[in-house]
Amino acid sequence: MFKYLKSVKERDPAARSYLQIILFYPGVQALFWYRISHFFYKIKLTFISMIIMYLVRVFLNIEIHYAAKIGKRLFIDHGSGVVIGATSVIGDDVTIYHNVTLGGTGKDRVKRHPTVKNNVVIGAGATLLGNITIGNNVKIGANTIVLENIPDNATVVGVKGRIILKVVEEN
């Protein structure tokens, strides 16, 4: 828990104390309740999972599906309007700003939501749709719409996002 709070404080210059983060950051609270809900989902008490996440949506305006797979130290900054779909997979140290959607396309019952790898920053209002993969260390600009896979170390902006910068690693 301390590592998580420390990572939030490092990513948010407005954070003054750990108590402030715990009491007044809806993204932190939503993630806390998601972890409990996901536990109930894994032990096949889905109805309890639904109730918990419904209440999170009502009180915090953040919708995280209880079946989504979320890694360590996800930080949902400001939180309002965030939607994370059922088959979404989120890696470690990801930062998501308000009004971000990790949504599906169609009514398939297979993987239909994005996979977001590690150290990704998703700007306010961004929409990621479908069974796509966002690589490691990617930055997605505000209000960007992403419909295709994004390789590692890229920066993506625009309506129907396009890569504007790709860092090439040398061995």
C-alpha atoms as a PDB file:
ATOM      1  CA  MET A   1       0.000   0.000   0.000  1.00  0.00           C
ATOM      2  CA  PHE A   2       2.806   2.425   0.859  1.00  0.00           C
ATOM      3  CA  LYS A   3       4.506   1.829  -2.516  1.00  0.00           C
ATOM      4  CA  TYR A   4       1.242   2.631  -4.251  1.00  0.00           C
ATOM      5  CA  LEU A   5       0.674   5.855  -2.332  1.00  0.00           C
ATOM      6  CA  LYS A   6       4.286   6.870  -2.936  1.00  0.00           C
ATOM      7  CA  SER A   7       3.859   6.306  -6.694  1.00  0.00           C
ATOM      8  CA  VAL A   8       0.729   8.495  -6.691  1.00  0.00           C
ATOM      9  CA  LYS A   9       2.533  11.260  -4.803  1.00  0.00           C
ATOM     10  CA  GLU A  10       5.425  11.138  -7.304  1.00  0.00           C
ATOM     11  CA  ARG A  11       3.053  11.455 -10.283  1.00  0.00           C
ATOM     12  CA  ASP A  12       0.831  14.206  -8.875  1.00  0.00           C
ATOM     13  CA  PRO A  13       2.562  17.443  -7.912  1.00  0.00           C
ATOM     14  CA  ALA A  14      -0.608  18.599  -6.109  1.00  0.00           C
ATOM     15  CA  ALA A  15      -0.464  15.691  -3.632  1.00  0.00           C
ATOM     16  CA  ARG A  16       0.681  17.025  -0.264  1.00  0.00           C
ATOM     17  CA  SER A  17       0.265  13.989   1.963  1.00  0.00           C
ATOM     18  CA  TYR A  18      -0.688  10.331   1.940  1.00  0.00           C
ATOM     19  CA  LEU A  19      -3.765  11.115   4.016  1.00  0.00           C
ATOM     20  CA  GLN A  20      -4.923  13.588   1.360  1.00  0.00           C
ATOM     21  CA  ILE A  21      -4.478  10.918  -1.320  1.00  0.00           C
ATOM     22  CA  ILE A  22      -6.469   8.330   0.639  1.00  0.00           C
ATOM     23  CA  LEU A  23      -9.314  10.655   1.610  1.00  0.00           C
ATOM     24  CA  PHE A  24      -9.741  12.891  -1.430  1.00  0.00           C
ATOM     25  CA  TYR A  25      -8.577  11.046  -4.565  1.00  0.00           C
ATOM     26  CA  PRO A  26     -11.567   9.274  -6.136  1.00  0.00           C
ATOM     27  CA  GLY A  27      -9.324   7.268  -8.480  1.00  0.00           C
ATOM     28  CA  VAL A  28      -7.472   5.801  -5.497  1.00  0.00           C
ATOM     29  CA  GLN A  29     -10.752   5.005  -3.754  1.00  0.00           C
ATOM     30  CA  ALA A  30     -12.232   3.412  -6.885  1.00  0.00           C
ATOM     31  CA  LEU A  31      -9.153   1.231  -7.321  1.00  0.00           C
ATOM     32  CA  PHE A  32      -9.362   0.136  -3.668  1.00  0.00           C
ATOM     33  CA  TRP A  33     -12.966  -1.003  -4.161  1.00  0.00           C
ATOM     34  CA  TYR A  34     -12.119  -2.568  -7.532  1.00  0.00           C
ATOM     35  CA  ARG A  35      -9.513  -4.804  -5.829  1.00  0.00           C
ATOM     36  CA  ILE A  36     -12.135  -6.032  -3.359  1.00  0.00           C
ATOM     37  CA  SER A  37     -14.724  -6.493  -6.113  1.00  0.00           C
ATOM     38  CA  HIS A  38     -12.236  -8.364  -8.326  1.00  0.00           C
ATOM     39  CA  PHE A  39     -11.488 -10.719  -5.422  1.00  0.00           C
ATOM     40  CA  PHE A  40     -15.190 -11.578  -5.129  1.00  0.00           C
ATOM     41  CA  TYR A  41     -15.335 -12.047  -8.920  1.00  0.00           C
ATOM     42  CA  LYS A  42     -12.426 -14.494  -8.811  1.00  0.00           C
ATOM     43  CA  ILE A  43     -14.146 -16.602  -6.157  1.00  0.00           C
ATOM     44  CA  LYS A  44     -17.324 -16.572  -8.265  1.00  0.00           C
ATOM     45  CA  LEU A  45     -19.386 -14.204  -6.117  1.00  0.00           C
ATOM     46  CA  THR A  46     -20.147 -12.023  -9.116  1.00  0.00           C
ATOM     47  CA  PHE A  47     -23.280 -10.437  -7.697  1.00  0.00           C
ATOM     48  CA  ILE A  48     -21.301  -8.918  -4.818  1.00  0.00           C
ATOM     49  CA  SER A  49     -18.751  -7.657  -7.365  1.00  0.00           C
ATOM     50  CA  MET A  50     -21.526  -5.997  -9.346  1.00  0.00           C
ATOM     51  CA  ILE A  51     -22.964  -4.285  -6.281  1.00  0.00           C
ATOM     52  CA  ILE A  52     -19.597  -2.912  -5.184  1.00  0.00           C
ATOM     53  CA  MET A  53     -18.699  -1.527  -8.602  1.00  0.00           C
ATOM     54  CA  TYR A  54     -22.203  -0.137  -9.107  1.00  0.00           C
ATOM     55  CA  LEU A  55     -21.823   1.860  -5.895  1.00  0.00           C
ATOM     56  CA  VAL A  56     -18.377   3.044  -7.008  1.00  0.00           C
ATOM     57  CA  ARG A  57     -19.926   4.270 -10.264  1.00  0.00           C
ATOM     58  CA  VAL A  58     -22.754   6.054  -8.453  1.00  0.00           C
ATOM     59  CA  PHE A  59     -20.630   7.741  -5.781  1.00  0.00           C
ATOM     60  CA  LEU A  60     -17.307   8.327  -7.600  1.00  0.00           C
ATOM     61  CA  ASN A  61     -18.368   8.532 -11.274  1.00  0.00           C
ATOM     62  CA  ILE A  62     -15.698   5.984 -12.212  1.00  0.00           C
ATOM     63  CA  GLU A  63     -16.726   2.764 -13.903  1.00  0.00           C
ATOM     64  CA  ILE A  64     -14.296  -0.138 -13.652  1.00  0.00           C
ATOM     65  CA  HIS A  65     -15.648  -3.525 -14.638  1.00  0.00           C
ATOM     66  CA  TYR A  66     -14.952  -6.075 -11.909  1.00  0.00           C
ATOM     67  CA  ALA A  67     -13.531  -8.554 -14.472  1.00  0.00           C
ATOM     68  CA  ALA A  68     -10.892  -6.167 -15.860  1.00  0.00           C
ATOM     69  CA  LYS A  69      -7.285  -7.102 -15.123  1.00  0.00           C
ATOM     70  CA  ILE A  70      -5.333  -4.245 -13.572  1.00  0.00           C
ATOM     71  CA  GLY A  71      -1.644  -4.323 -12.677  1.00  0.00           C
ATOM     72  CA  LYS A  72       0.251  -2.548  -9.932  1.00  0.00           C
ATOM     73  CA  ARG A  73       0.206   1.172  -9.212  1.00  0.00           C
ATOM     74  CA  LEU A  74      -2.520   2.321 -11.633  1.00  0.00           C
ATOM     75  CA  PHE A  75      -3.175   6.014 -10.974  1.00  0.00           C
ATOM     76  CA  ILE A  76      -6.510   7.449 -12.091  1.00  0.00           C
ATOM     77  CA  ASP A  77      -5.993  11.200 -11.720  1.00  0.00           C
ATOM     78  CA  HIS A  78      -9.172  13.252 -11.135  1.00  0.00           C
ATOM     79  CA  GLY A  79     -11.104  10.144 -12.150  1.00  0.00           C
ATOM     80  CA  SER A  80     -14.440  11.563 -13.180  1.00  0.00           C
ATOM     81  CA  GLY A  81     -15.891   9.833 -16.234  1.00  0.00           C
ATOM     82  CA  VAL A  82     -13.312   7.039 -16.515  1.00  0.00           C
ATOM     83  CA  VAL A  83     -14.644   3.777 -18.007  1.00  0.00           C
ATOM     84  CA  ILE A  84     -12.624   0.543 -18.010  1.00  0.00           C
ATOM     85  CA  GLY A  85     -14.324  -2.342 -19.822  1.00  0.00           C
ATOM     86  CA  ALA A  86     -14.619  -5.987 -18.812  1.00  0.00           C
ATOM     87  CA  THR A  87     -11.853  -7.496 -20.942  1.00  0.00           C
ATOM     88  CA  SER A  88      -9.421  -4.593 -20.488  1.00  0.00           C
ATOM     89  CA  VAL A  89      -5.922  -5.454 -19.319  1.00  0.00           C
ATOM     90  CA  ILE A  90      -3.842  -2.702 -17.731  1.00  0.00           C
ATOM     91  CA  GLY A  91      -0.160  -3.129 -16.884  1.00  0.00           C
ATOM     92  CA  ASP A  92       1.941  -1.589 -14.131  1.00  0.00           C
ATOM     93  CA  ASP A  93       2.545   2.131 -13.463  1.00  0.00           C
ATOM     94  CA  VAL A  94      -0.153   3.382 -15.839  1.00  0.00           C
ATOM     95  CA  THR A  95      -1.606   6.881 -15.422  1.00  0.00           C
ATOM     96  CA  ILE A  96      -5.141   7.621 -16.635  1.00  0.00           C
ATOM     97  CA  TYR A  97      -6.681  11.096 -16.563  1.00  0.00           C
ATOM     98  CA  HIS A  98     -10.397  11.986 -16.420  1.00  0.00           C
ATOM     99  CA  ASN A  99     -12.961  11.017 -19.078  1.00  0.00           C
ATOM    100  CA  VAL A 100     -10.833   8.199 -20.506  1.00  0.00           C
ATOM    101  CA  THR A 101     -12.641   5.219 -22.025  1.00  0.00           C
ATOM    102  CA  LEU A 102     -11.136   1.766 -22.516  1.00  0.00           C
ATOM    103  CA  GLY A 103     -14.085   0.460 -24.461  1.00  0.00           C
ATOM    104  CA  GLY A 104     -15.179  -2.343 -26.700  1.00  0.00           C
ATOM    105  CA  THR A 105     -16.583  -2.522 -30.165  1.00  0.00           C
ATOM    106  CA  GLY A 106     -19.450  -4.822 -31.035  1.00  0.00           C
ATOM    107  CA  LYS A 107     -21.064  -7.479 -28.926  1.00  0.00           C
ATOM    108  CA  ASP A 108     -18.478 -10.249 -29.157  1.00  0.00           C
ATOM    109  CA  ARG A 109     -17.984 -12.318 -26.038  1.00  0.00           C
ATOM    110  CA  VAL A 110     -14.238 -12.636 -26.616  1.00  0.00           C
ATOM    111  CA  LYS A 111     -11.510 -10.089 -25.815  1.00  0.00           C
ATOM    112  CA  ARG A 112     -13.021  -6.806 -26.992  1.00  0.00           C
ATOM    113  CA  HIS A 113     -11.291  -4.122 -24.904  1.00  0.00           C
ATOM    114  CA  PRO A 114      -7.763  -2.673 -25.019  1.00  0.00           C
ATOM    115  CA  THR A 115      -4.610  -4.068 -23.484  1.00  0.00           C
ATOM    116  CA  VAL A 116      -2.455  -1.301 -22.047  1.00  0.00           C
ATOM    117  CA  LYS A 117       1.100  -2.297 -21.195  1.00  0.00           C
ATOM    118  CA  ASN A 118       3.438  -0.732 -18.603  1.00  0.00           C
ATOM    119  CA  ASN A 119       4.333   2.948 -17.992  1.00  0.00           C
ATOM    120  CA  VAL A 120       1.601   4.345 -20.237  1.00  0.00           C
ATOM    121  CA  VAL A 121       0.076   7.816 -19.797  1.00  0.00           C
ATOM    122  CA  ILE A 122      -3.444   8.284 -21.211  1.00  0.00           C
ATOM    123  CA  GLY A 123      -4.508  11.941 -21.494  1.00  0.00           C
ATOM    124  CA  ALA A 124      -7.866  13.407 -20.508  1.00  0.00           C
ATOM    125  CA  GLY A 125     -10.759  12.447 -22.765  1.00  0.00           C
ATOM    126  CA  ALA A 126      -8.835   9.815 -24.723  1.00  0.00           C
ATOM    127  CA  THR A 127     -10.820   6.895 -26.126  1.00  0.00           C
ATOM    128  CA  LEU A 128      -9.246   3.506 -26.793  1.00  0.00           C
ATOM    129  CA  LEU A 129     -11.620   1.107 -28.549  1.00  0.00           C
ATOM    130  CA  GLY A 130     -11.477  -2.553 -29.427  1.00  0.00           C
ATOM    131  CA  ASN A 131      -9.070  -5.425 -28.942  1.00  0.00           C
ATOM    132  CA  ILE A 132      -5.933  -3.336 -29.427  1.00  0.00           C
ATOM    133  CA  THR A 133      -2.578  -3.294 -27.666  1.00  0.00           C
ATOM    134  CA  ILE A 134      -0.898  -0.157 -26.400  1.00  0.00           C
ATOM    135  CA  GLY A 135       2.857  -0.749 -26.010  1.00  0.00           C
ATOM    136  CA  ASN A 136       5.150   0.061 -23.114  1.00  0.00           C
ATOM    137  CA  ASN A 137       6.088   3.702 -22.390  1.00  0.00           C
ATOM    138  CA  VAL A 138       3.397   5.132 -24.698  1.00  0.00           C
ATOM    139  CA  LYS A 139       1.933   8.617 -24.228  1.00  0.00           C
ATOM    140  CA  ILE A 140      -1.588   9.207 -25.547  1.00  0.00           C
ATOM    141  CA  GLY A 141      -2.656  12.840 -25.878  1.00  0.00           C
ATOM    142  CA  ALA A 142      -5.866  14.395 -24.615  1.00  0.00           C
ATOM    143  CA  ASN A 143      -9.005  13.592 -26.658  1.00  0.00           C
ATOM    144  CA  THR A 144      -7.113  11.135 -28.861  1.00  0.00           C
ATOM    145  CA  ILE A 145      -9.099   8.282 -30.382  1.00  0.00           C
ATOM    146  CA  VAL A 146      -7.071   5.090 -30.705  1.00  0.00           C
ATOM    147  CA  LEU A 147      -8.410   2.254 -32.856  1.00  0.00           C
ATOM    148  CA  GLU A 148      -5.183   0.433 -33.783  1.00  0.00           C
ATOM    149  CA  ASN A 149      -2.222  -1.132 -31.988  1.00  0.00           C
ATOM    150  CA  ILE A 150       0.465   1.297 -30.833  1.00  0.00           C
ATOM    151  CA  PRO A 151       4.110   0.143 -30.623  1.00  0.00           C
ATOM    152  CA  ASP A 152       6.368   0.710 -27.604  1.00  0.00           C
ATOM    153  CA  ASN A 153       7.805   4.180 -26.899  1.00  0.00           C
ATOM    154  CA  ALA A 154       5.376   6.106 -29.116  1.00  0.00           C
ATOM    155  CA  THR A 155       3.450   9.337 -28.603  1.00  0.00           C
ATOM    156  CA  VAL A 156      -0.047   9.374 -30.113  1.00  0.00           C
ATOM    157  CA  VAL A 157      -2.322  12.384 -30.729  1.00  0.00           C
ATOM    158  CA  GLY A 158      -5.391  13.344 -32.740  1.00  0.00           C
ATOM    159  CA  VAL A 159      -8.831  12.203 -33.651  1.00  0.00           C
ATOM    160  CA  LYS A 160      -8.068   8.805 -35.032  1.00  0.00           C
ATOM    161  CA  GLY A 161      -4.738   8.939 -33.303  1.00  0.00           C
ATOM    162  CA  ARG A 162      -1.569   8.873 -35.301  1.00  0.00           C
ATOM    163  CA  ILE A 163       1.975   8.341 -34.115  1.00  0.00           C
ATOM    164  CA  ILE A 164       3.901  11.597 -34.085  1.00  0.00           C
ATOM    165  CA  LEU A 165       7.028  10.318 -32.354  1.00  0.00           C
ATOM    166  CA  LYS A 166       8.538   6.865 -32.107  1.00  0.00           C
ATOM    167  CA  VAL A 167      11.683   6.349 -30.113  1.00  0.00           C
ATOM    168  CA  VAL A 168      13.947   3.698 -31.617  1.00  0.00           C
ATOM    169  CA  GLU A 169      15.954   1.727 -29.084  1.00  0.00           C
ATOM    170  CA  GLU A 170      19.506   0.786 -29.925  1.00  0.00           C
ATOM    171  CA  ASN A 171      21.098  -2.392 -28.605  1.00  0.00           C
END
